[in-house]
Amino acid sequence: MMGKPAWAMISRLCRWLSMVAIFALGILAHSSGLTASVAEYWGDIRYLSIQHLELTAISGAMAIVIGIPLGVLLARGKLGFMGPIIAQIVNLGTTIPTLAILALAMTVLGLGSPPALFGLTVLTILPIMLNTIAGLRSIPPALIEAARGMGMTNGQILMKVELPNAMFVILAGIRTALAINIGTVPLAFLIGGGGLGELIFTGIDLMDTGMLLAGAIPTALLAILVDIAASQVQFWLVPRGINPLR
């Protein structure tokens, strides 16, 4: 097994290779005139990127508020015989195509942002819920028994022992969920939800490569930036003793 110095060296090497690849792609895009064609849509990119981030922030927040408590209830068996049923229903949601979920939301809520937010929230809940369950179940039983022996109540054990120790895994699920969310938001355009999908799908219809990339490139950059921000939150929020990255 590699030690931390080896992993740090590999991480730095991958970072430098990524920077070199991005620089080379930038030179290629500029020399081919692609940069100029994408820059024509700069005003649309700014406006639609804000819509994109709003959809991600709202649906992601709702997914966190729903997914973490649901994961806690399923991990601790508080739902009784309903727990496995709810888990199977949520797992079944992964087999349903994204467009089908958005279409179902559209038939119930109509067009616009509400059905888009509903569909995005449903798609984002699963990674958060599963990581919450996995994080709580990975805590050594002896640690919980020690806390119970100290006289802690179930609520105190959850807040002071279980959730802090599971926080790294839970935040990893949130990072995954947000990345999936940003990549899925372009589909919201198909039901009137807005976002960078307007440039992507309009570019496809018009066979305009510049318009297509004006939506696709910012979407990819937003996903990278959000993942970097979430990784920093994960790095600094989880204490050193239970954070494998520190």
C-alpha atoms as a PDB file:
ATOM      1  CA  MET A   1       0.000   0.000   0.000  1.00  0.00           C
ATOM      2  CA  MET A   2       1.309   3.452  -0.895  1.00  0.00           C
ATOM      3  CA  GLY A   3       2.046   5.966   1.827  1.00  0.00           C
ATOM      4  CA  LYS A   4       0.896   9.569   1.900  1.00  0.00           C
ATOM      5  CA  PRO A   5       4.108  10.933   0.216  1.00  0.00           C
ATOM      6  CA  ALA A   6       3.586   8.609  -2.760  1.00  0.00           C
ATOM      7  CA  TRP A   7      -0.076   9.587  -3.060  1.00  0.00           C
ATOM      8  CA  ALA A   8       0.856  13.259  -2.809  1.00  0.00           C
ATOM      9  CA  MET A   9       3.437  12.858  -5.605  1.00  0.00           C
ATOM     10  CA  ILE A  10       0.911  11.083  -7.847  1.00  0.00           C
ATOM     11  CA  SER A  11      -1.662  13.772  -7.113  1.00  0.00           C
ATOM     12  CA  ARG A  12       0.783  16.558  -8.053  1.00  0.00           C
ATOM     13  CA  LEU A  13       1.763  14.704 -11.234  1.00  0.00           C
ATOM     14  CA  CYS A  14      -1.874  14.288 -12.271  1.00  0.00           C
ATOM     15  CA  ARG A  15      -2.520  17.953 -11.542  1.00  0.00           C
ATOM     16  CA  TRP A  16       0.396  19.063 -13.721  1.00  0.00           C
ATOM     17  CA  LEU A  17      -0.602  16.716 -16.544  1.00  0.00           C
ATOM     18  CA  SER A  18      -4.152  18.087 -16.392  1.00  0.00           C
ATOM     19  CA  MET A  19      -2.848  21.656 -16.605  1.00  0.00           C
ATOM     20  CA  VAL A  20      -0.653  20.780 -19.593  1.00  0.00           C
ATOM     21  CA  ALA A  21      -3.583  19.063 -21.339  1.00  0.00           C
ATOM     22  CA  ILE A  22      -5.876  22.039 -20.725  1.00  0.00           C
ATOM     23  CA  PHE A  23      -3.208  24.449 -22.002  1.00  0.00           C
ATOM     24  CA  ALA A  24      -2.711  22.362 -25.149  1.00  0.00           C
ATOM     25  CA  LEU A  25      -6.452  22.175 -25.779  1.00  0.00           C
ATOM     26  CA  GLY A  26      -6.701  25.941 -25.307  1.00  0.00           C
ATOM     27  CA  ILE A  27      -4.006  26.561 -27.922  1.00  0.00           C
ATOM     28  CA  LEU A  28      -5.714  24.154 -30.323  1.00  0.00           C
ATOM     29  CA  ALA A  29      -9.121  25.796 -29.817  1.00  0.00           C
ATOM     30  CA  HIS A  30      -7.674  29.292 -30.322  1.00  0.00           C
ATOM     31  CA  SER A  31      -5.777  28.356 -33.465  1.00  0.00           C
ATOM     32  CA  SER A  32      -8.856  26.731 -34.995  1.00  0.00           C
ATOM     33  CA  GLY A  33     -11.009  29.818 -34.372  1.00  0.00           C
ATOM     34  CA  LEU A  34     -13.260  27.935 -31.959  1.00  0.00           C
ATOM     35  CA  THR A  35     -12.552  30.372 -29.127  1.00  0.00           C
ATOM     36  CA  ALA A  36     -13.888  33.288 -31.147  1.00  0.00           C
ATOM     37  CA  SER A  37     -17.067  31.425 -32.089  1.00  0.00           C
ATOM     38  CA  VAL A  38     -17.728  30.502 -28.451  1.00  0.00           C
ATOM     39  CA  ALA A  39     -16.987  34.074 -27.303  1.00  0.00           C
ATOM     40  CA  GLU A  40     -19.868  35.337 -29.439  1.00  0.00           C
ATOM     41  CA  TYR A  41     -22.257  33.847 -26.873  1.00  0.00           C
ATOM     42  CA  TRP A  42     -20.536  35.307 -23.805  1.00  0.00           C
ATOM     43  CA  GLY A  43     -23.609  37.247 -22.694  1.00  0.00           C
ATOM     44  CA  ASP A  44     -25.792  34.150 -22.952  1.00  0.00           C
ATOM     45  CA  ILE A  45     -23.176  32.087 -21.122  1.00  0.00           C
ATOM     46  CA  ARG A  46     -23.149  34.468 -18.144  1.00  0.00           C
ATOM     47  CA  TYR A  47     -26.936  34.666 -17.902  1.00  0.00           C
ATOM     48  CA  LEU A  48     -27.556  30.934 -18.334  1.00  0.00           C
ATOM     49  CA  SER A  49     -24.693  29.970 -15.999  1.00  0.00           C
ATOM     50  CA  ILE A  50     -26.438  31.849 -13.194  1.00  0.00           C
ATOM     51  CA  GLN A  51     -29.651  29.932 -13.939  1.00  0.00           C
ATOM     52  CA  HIS A  52     -27.635  26.708 -14.020  1.00  0.00           C
ATOM     53  CA  LEU A  53     -26.091  27.358 -10.612  1.00  0.00           C
ATOM     54  CA  GLU A  54     -29.441  28.395  -9.120  1.00  0.00           C
ATOM     55  CA  LEU A  55     -31.038  25.115 -10.207  1.00  0.00           C
ATOM     56  CA  THR A  56     -28.069  23.169  -8.823  1.00  0.00           C
ATOM     57  CA  ALA A  57     -28.005  25.057  -5.509  1.00  0.00           C
ATOM     58  CA  ILE A  58     -31.746  24.776  -4.832  1.00  0.00           C
ATOM     59  CA  SER A  59     -32.149  21.141  -5.865  1.00  0.00           C
ATOM     60  CA  GLY A  60     -28.876  20.178  -4.151  1.00  0.00           C
ATOM     61  CA  ALA A  61     -29.946  21.848  -0.905  1.00  0.00           C
ATOM     62  CA  MET A  62     -33.318  20.083  -0.976  1.00  0.00           C
ATOM     63  CA  ALA A  63     -31.595  16.755  -1.674  1.00  0.00           C
ATOM     64  CA  ILE A  64     -29.244  17.250   1.292  1.00  0.00           C
ATOM     65  CA  VAL A  65     -32.111  18.187   3.615  1.00  0.00           C
ATOM     66  CA  ILE A  66     -34.043  15.070   2.564  1.00  0.00           C
ATOM     67  CA  GLY A  67     -31.227  12.601   1.874  1.00  0.00           C
ATOM     68  CA  ILE A  68     -29.233  12.852   5.118  1.00  0.00           C
ATOM     69  CA  PRO A  69     -32.209  12.403   7.530  1.00  0.00           C
ATOM     70  CA  LEU A  70     -33.543   9.581   5.360  1.00  0.00           C
ATOM     71  CA  GLY A  71     -30.139   7.900   5.406  1.00  0.00           C
ATOM     72  CA  VAL A  72     -29.974   8.264   9.192  1.00  0.00           C
ATOM     73  CA  LEU A  73     -33.411   6.696   9.600  1.00  0.00           C
ATOM     74  CA  LEU A  74     -32.548   3.788   7.306  1.00  0.00           C
ATOM     75  CA  ALA A  75     -29.120   3.201   8.887  1.00  0.00           C
ATOM     76  CA  ARG A  76     -30.479   3.180  12.426  1.00  0.00           C
ATOM     77  CA  GLY A  77     -33.546   1.090  11.608  1.00  0.00           C
ATOM     78  CA  LYS A  78     -35.969   3.757  12.840  1.00  0.00           C
ATOM     79  CA  LEU A  79     -38.412   3.045  10.004  1.00  0.00           C
ATOM     80  CA  GLY A  80     -38.850  -0.604  10.948  1.00  0.00           C
ATOM     81  CA  PHE A  81     -40.169  -2.845   8.178  1.00  0.00           C
ATOM     82  CA  MET A  82     -40.670   0.250   5.985  1.00  0.00           C
ATOM     83  CA  GLY A  83     -36.912   0.824   5.815  1.00  0.00           C
ATOM     84  CA  PRO A  84     -36.084  -1.907   3.262  1.00  0.00           C
ATOM     85  CA  ILE A  85     -39.146  -0.940   1.218  1.00  0.00           C
ATOM     86  CA  ILE A  86     -38.086   2.721   1.047  1.00  0.00           C
ATOM     87  CA  ALA A  87     -34.512   1.702   0.205  1.00  0.00           C
ATOM     88  CA  GLN A  88     -35.752  -0.465  -2.666  1.00  0.00           C
ATOM     89  CA  ILE A  89     -37.967   2.335  -3.977  1.00  0.00           C
ATOM     90  CA  VAL A  90     -35.027   4.750  -3.956  1.00  0.00           C
ATOM     91  CA  ASN A  91     -32.757   2.187  -5.619  1.00  0.00           C
ATOM     92  CA  LEU A  92     -35.430   1.592  -8.232  1.00  0.00           C
ATOM     93  CA  GLY A  93     -35.209   5.273  -9.102  1.00  0.00           C
ATOM     94  CA  THR A  94     -31.673   4.721 -10.451  1.00  0.00           C
ATOM     95  CA  THR A  95     -33.028   2.431 -13.180  1.00  0.00           C
ATOM     96  CA  ILE A  96     -35.445   5.077 -14.488  1.00  0.00           C
ATOM     97  CA  PRO A  97     -33.943   7.291 -17.235  1.00  0.00           C
ATOM     98  CA  THR A  98     -33.389  10.911 -16.297  1.00  0.00           C
ATOM     99  CA  LEU A  99     -35.598  12.154 -19.101  1.00  0.00           C
ATOM    100  CA  ALA A 100     -38.408   9.902 -17.882  1.00  0.00           C
ATOM    101  CA  ILE A 101     -38.237  11.425 -14.401  1.00  0.00           C
ATOM    102  CA  LEU A 102     -38.269  14.942 -15.840  1.00  0.00           C
ATOM    103  CA  ALA A 103     -41.163  14.040 -18.148  1.00  0.00           C
ATOM    104  CA  LEU A 104     -43.123  12.623 -15.211  1.00  0.00           C
ATOM    105  CA  ALA A 105     -42.458  15.787 -13.207  1.00  0.00           C
ATOM    106  CA  MET A 106     -43.601  17.848 -16.193  1.00  0.00           C
ATOM    107  CA  THR A 107     -46.919  15.968 -16.465  1.00  0.00           C
ATOM    108  CA  VAL A 108     -47.645  16.650 -12.788  1.00  0.00           C
ATOM    109  CA  LEU A 109     -46.190  20.147 -12.309  1.00  0.00           C
ATOM    110  CA  GLY A 110     -46.251  21.536 -15.840  1.00  0.00           C
ATOM    111  CA  LEU A 111     -43.387  23.386 -17.513  1.00  0.00           C
ATOM    112  CA  GLY A 112     -40.742  25.610 -15.945  1.00  0.00           C
ATOM    113  CA  SER A 113     -38.498  25.513 -12.905  1.00  0.00           C
ATOM    114  CA  PRO A 114     -40.729  23.573 -10.427  1.00  0.00           C
ATOM    115  CA  PRO A 115     -40.711  20.259 -12.358  1.00  0.00           C
ATOM    116  CA  ALA A 116     -37.000  20.708 -13.123  1.00  0.00           C
ATOM    117  CA  LEU A 117     -36.208  21.215  -9.436  1.00  0.00           C
ATOM    118  CA  PHE A 118     -38.333  18.205  -8.481  1.00  0.00           C
ATOM    119  CA  GLY A 119     -36.632  15.923 -10.994  1.00  0.00           C
ATOM    120  CA  LEU A 120     -33.130  17.131 -10.106  1.00  0.00           C
ATOM    121  CA  THR A 121     -33.801  16.689  -6.394  1.00  0.00           C
ATOM    122  CA  VAL A 122     -34.988  13.109  -6.896  1.00  0.00           C
ATOM    123  CA  LEU A 123     -31.871  12.287  -8.939  1.00  0.00           C
ATOM    124  CA  THR A 124     -29.540  13.889  -6.386  1.00  0.00           C
ATOM    125  CA  ILE A 125     -30.938  12.261  -3.241  1.00  0.00           C
ATOM    126  CA  LEU A 126     -29.613   8.738  -3.880  1.00  0.00           C
ATOM    127  CA  PRO A 127     -25.808   9.300  -3.537  1.00  0.00           C
ATOM    128  CA  ILE A 128     -26.334  11.385  -0.415  1.00  0.00           C
ATOM    129  CA  MET A 129     -28.634   8.823   1.192  1.00  0.00           C
ATOM    130  CA  LEU A 130     -26.416   5.831   0.331  1.00  0.00           C
ATOM    131  CA  ASN A 131     -23.251   7.523   1.616  1.00  0.00           C
ATOM    132  CA  THR A 132     -25.017   8.531   4.811  1.00  0.00           C
ATOM    133  CA  ILE A 133     -26.018   4.914   5.384  1.00  0.00           C
ATOM    134  CA  ALA A 134     -22.534   3.636   4.539  1.00  0.00           C
ATOM    135  CA  GLY A 135     -20.842   6.220   6.767  1.00  0.00           C
ATOM    136  CA  LEU A 136     -23.026   5.480   9.784  1.00  0.00           C
ATOM    137  CA  ARG A 137     -22.715   1.718   9.379  1.00  0.00           C
ATOM    138  CA  SER A 138     -18.919   1.928   9.140  1.00  0.00           C
ATOM    139  CA  ILE A 139     -18.602   3.287  12.686  1.00  0.00           C
ATOM    140  CA  PRO A 140     -17.173   0.629  15.058  1.00  0.00           C
ATOM    141  CA  PRO A 141     -19.886  -0.693  17.412  1.00  0.00           C
ATOM    142  CA  ALA A 142     -17.419  -0.440  20.303  1.00  0.00           C
ATOM    143  CA  LEU A 143     -17.307   3.335  19.835  1.00  0.00           C
ATOM    144  CA  ILE A 144     -21.086   3.579  20.115  1.00  0.00           C
ATOM    145  CA  GLU A 145     -21.146   1.254  23.134  1.00  0.00           C
ATOM    146  CA  ALA A 146     -18.493   3.389  24.822  1.00  0.00           C
ATOM    147  CA  ALA A 147     -20.602   6.500  24.281  1.00  0.00           C
ATOM    148  CA  ARG A 148     -23.672   4.713  25.615  1.00  0.00           C
ATOM    149  CA  GLY A 149     -21.642   3.591  28.637  1.00  0.00           C
ATOM    150  CA  MET A 150     -20.794   7.245  29.316  1.00  0.00           C
ATOM    151  CA  GLY A 151     -24.515   7.951  29.691  1.00  0.00           C
ATOM    152  CA  MET A 152     -25.171   9.570  26.312  1.00  0.00           C
ATOM    153  CA  THR A 153     -28.678   9.434  24.897  1.00  0.00           C
ATOM    154  CA  ASN A 154     -29.380   8.178  21.385  1.00  0.00           C
ATOM    155  CA  GLY A 155     -29.664  11.749  20.139  1.00  0.00           C
ATOM    156  CA  GLN A 156     -26.340  12.724  21.711  1.00  0.00           C
ATOM    157  CA  ILE A 157     -24.663   9.640  20.246  1.00  0.00           C
ATOM    158  CA  LEU A 158     -25.969  10.554  16.799  1.00  0.00           C
ATOM    159  CA  MET A 159     -24.905  14.201  16.954  1.00  0.00           C
ATOM    160  CA  LYS A 160     -21.615  13.860  18.857  1.00  0.00           C
ATOM    161  CA  VAL A 161     -20.322  10.440  17.780  1.00  0.00           C
ATOM    162  CA  GLU A 162     -21.980   8.979  14.700  1.00  0.00           C
ATOM    163  CA  LEU A 163     -22.432  11.989  12.409  1.00  0.00           C
ATOM    164  CA  PRO A 164     -18.953  13.498  13.081  1.00  0.00           C
ATOM    165  CA  ASN A 165     -17.288  10.145  12.341  1.00  0.00           C
ATOM    166  CA  ALA A 166     -19.421   9.588   9.238  1.00  0.00           C
ATOM    167  CA  MET A 167     -19.085  13.173   7.967  1.00  0.00           C
ATOM    168  CA  PHE A 168     -16.207  12.432   5.578  1.00  0.00           C
ATOM    169  CA  VAL A 169     -18.210   9.722   3.784  1.00  0.00           C
ATOM    170  CA  ILE A 170     -21.383  11.850   3.798  1.00  0.00           C
ATOM    171  CA  LEU A 171     -19.541  14.794   2.234  1.00  0.00           C
ATOM    172  CA  ALA A 172     -18.108  12.459  -0.403  1.00  0.00           C
ATOM    173  CA  GLY A 173     -21.692  11.548  -1.303  1.00  0.00           C
ATOM    174  CA  ILE A 174     -22.621  15.231  -1.502  1.00  0.00           C
ATOM    175  CA  ARG A 175     -19.675  15.864  -3.842  1.00  0.00           C
ATOM    176  CA  THR A 176     -20.827  13.041  -6.113  1.00  0.00           C
ATOM    177  CA  ALA A 177     -24.429  14.244  -5.987  1.00  0.00           C
ATOM    178  CA  LEU A 178     -23.520  17.821  -6.933  1.00  0.00           C
ATOM    179  CA  ALA A 179     -21.385  16.636  -9.850  1.00  0.00           C
ATOM    180  CA  ILE A 180     -24.275  14.503 -11.129  1.00  0.00           C
ATOM    181  CA  ASN A 181     -26.637  17.406 -10.585  1.00  0.00           C
ATOM    182  CA  ILE A 182     -24.623  19.899 -12.642  1.00  0.00           C
ATOM    183  CA  GLY A 183     -24.249  17.398 -15.467  1.00  0.00           C
ATOM    184  CA  THR A 184     -27.993  16.726 -15.465  1.00  0.00           C
ATOM    185  CA  VAL A 185     -29.214  20.341 -15.280  1.00  0.00           C
ATOM    186  CA  PRO A 186     -28.860  20.873 -19.077  1.00  0.00           C
ATOM    187  CA  LEU A 187     -31.747  18.430 -19.536  1.00  0.00           C
ATOM    188  CA  ALA A 188     -33.962  20.844 -17.594  1.00  0.00           C
ATOM    189  CA  PHE A 189     -34.085  23.010 -20.709  1.00  0.00           C
ATOM    190  CA  LEU A 190     -36.260  20.356 -22.373  1.00  0.00           C
ATOM    191  CA  ILE A 191     -39.064  21.069 -19.893  1.00  0.00           C
ATOM    192  CA  GLY A 192     -38.553  24.826 -19.730  1.00  0.00           C
ATOM    193  CA  GLY A 193     -36.253  24.869 -16.711  1.00  0.00           C
ATOM    194  CA  GLY A 194     -33.506  27.030 -18.222  1.00  0.00           C
ATOM    195  CA  GLY A 195     -29.773  26.611 -17.747  1.00  0.00           C
ATOM    196  CA  LEU A 196     -26.907  26.027 -20.158  1.00  0.00           C
ATOM    197  CA  GLY A 197     -28.883  23.290 -21.867  1.00  0.00           C
ATOM    198  CA  GLU A 198     -30.478  26.064 -23.921  1.00  0.00           C
ATOM    199  CA  LEU A 199     -27.192  26.600 -25.755  1.00  0.00           C
ATOM    200  CA  ILE A 200     -26.380  22.884 -25.953  1.00  0.00           C
ATOM    201  CA  PHE A 201     -29.646  21.663 -27.441  1.00  0.00           C
ATOM    202  CA  THR A 202     -30.156  24.719 -29.638  1.00  0.00           C
ATOM    203  CA  GLY A 203     -26.638  24.212 -30.979  1.00  0.00           C
ATOM    204  CA  ILE A 204     -27.458  20.586 -31.734  1.00  0.00           C
ATOM    205  CA  ASP A 205     -30.673  21.545 -33.559  1.00  0.00           C
ATOM    206  CA  LEU A 206     -28.924  24.222 -35.601  1.00  0.00           C
ATOM    207  CA  MET A 207     -25.738  22.134 -36.071  1.00  0.00           C
ATOM    208  CA  ASP A 208     -23.818  25.113 -34.657  1.00  0.00           C
ATOM    209  CA  THR A 209     -20.651  23.774 -33.024  1.00  0.00           C
ATOM    210  CA  GLY A 210     -19.793  27.125 -31.439  1.00  0.00           C
ATOM    211  CA  MET A 211     -23.171  27.390 -29.711  1.00  0.00           C
ATOM    212  CA  LEU A 212     -23.020  23.763 -28.614  1.00  0.00           C
ATOM    213  CA  LEU A 213     -19.599  24.198 -27.023  1.00  0.00           C
ATOM    214  CA  ALA A 214     -20.653  27.537 -25.525  1.00  0.00           C
ATOM    215  CA  GLY A 215     -23.018  25.488 -23.366  1.00  0.00           C
ATOM    216  CA  ALA A 216     -20.989  22.296 -22.940  1.00  0.00           C
ATOM    217  CA  ILE A 217     -17.659  23.847 -21.899  1.00  0.00           C
ATOM    218  CA  PRO A 218     -19.104  26.080 -19.119  1.00  0.00           C
ATOM    219  CA  THR A 219     -21.115  23.091 -17.848  1.00  0.00           C
ATOM    220  CA  ALA A 220     -17.929  21.035 -17.526  1.00  0.00           C
ATOM    221  CA  LEU A 221     -16.078  23.948 -15.899  1.00  0.00           C
ATOM    222  CA  LEU A 222     -18.898  24.500 -13.409  1.00  0.00           C
ATOM    223  CA  ALA A 223     -18.812  20.808 -12.473  1.00  0.00           C
ATOM    224  CA  ILE A 224     -15.045  21.000 -11.885  1.00  0.00           C
ATOM    225  CA  LEU A 225     -15.273  24.207  -9.845  1.00  0.00           C
ATOM    226  CA  VAL A 226     -18.127  22.915  -7.681  1.00  0.00           C
ATOM    227  CA  ASP A 227     -16.243  19.661  -7.058  1.00  0.00           C
ATOM    228  CA  ILE A 228     -13.108  21.597  -6.059  1.00  0.00           C
ATOM    229  CA  ALA A 229     -15.139  23.790  -3.687  1.00  0.00           C
ATOM    230  CA  ALA A 230     -16.842  20.736  -2.160  1.00  0.00           C
ATOM    231  CA  SER A 231     -13.499  18.967  -1.757  1.00  0.00           C
ATOM    232  CA  GLN A 232     -12.121  21.957   0.157  1.00  0.00           C
ATOM    233  CA  VAL A 233     -15.172  21.927   2.433  1.00  0.00           C
ATOM    234  CA  GLN A 234     -14.622  18.202   2.979  1.00  0.00           C
ATOM    235  CA  PHE A 235     -10.920  18.738   3.703  1.00  0.00           C
ATOM    236  CA  TRP A 236     -11.331  21.541   6.240  1.00  0.00           C
ATOM    237  CA  LEU A 237     -14.667  20.638   7.830  1.00  0.00           C
ATOM    238  CA  VAL A 238     -13.756  17.084   8.854  1.00  0.00           C
ATOM    239  CA  PRO A 239     -11.319  17.091  11.825  1.00  0.00           C
ATOM    240  CA  ARG A 240      -7.778  15.849  11.383  1.00  0.00           C
ATOM    241  CA  GLY A 241      -8.215  12.714  13.516  1.00  0.00           C
ATOM    242  CA  ILE A 242     -10.960  11.258  11.321  1.00  0.00           C
ATOM    243  CA  ASN A 243      -9.985  12.822   7.992  1.00  0.00           C
ATOM    244  CA  PRO A 244      -7.819  10.490   5.865  1.00  0.00           C
ATOM    245  CA  LEU A 245      -6.759  13.430   3.666  1.00  0.00           C
ATOM    246  CA  ARG A 246      -5.120  15.365   6.527  1.00  0.00           C
END
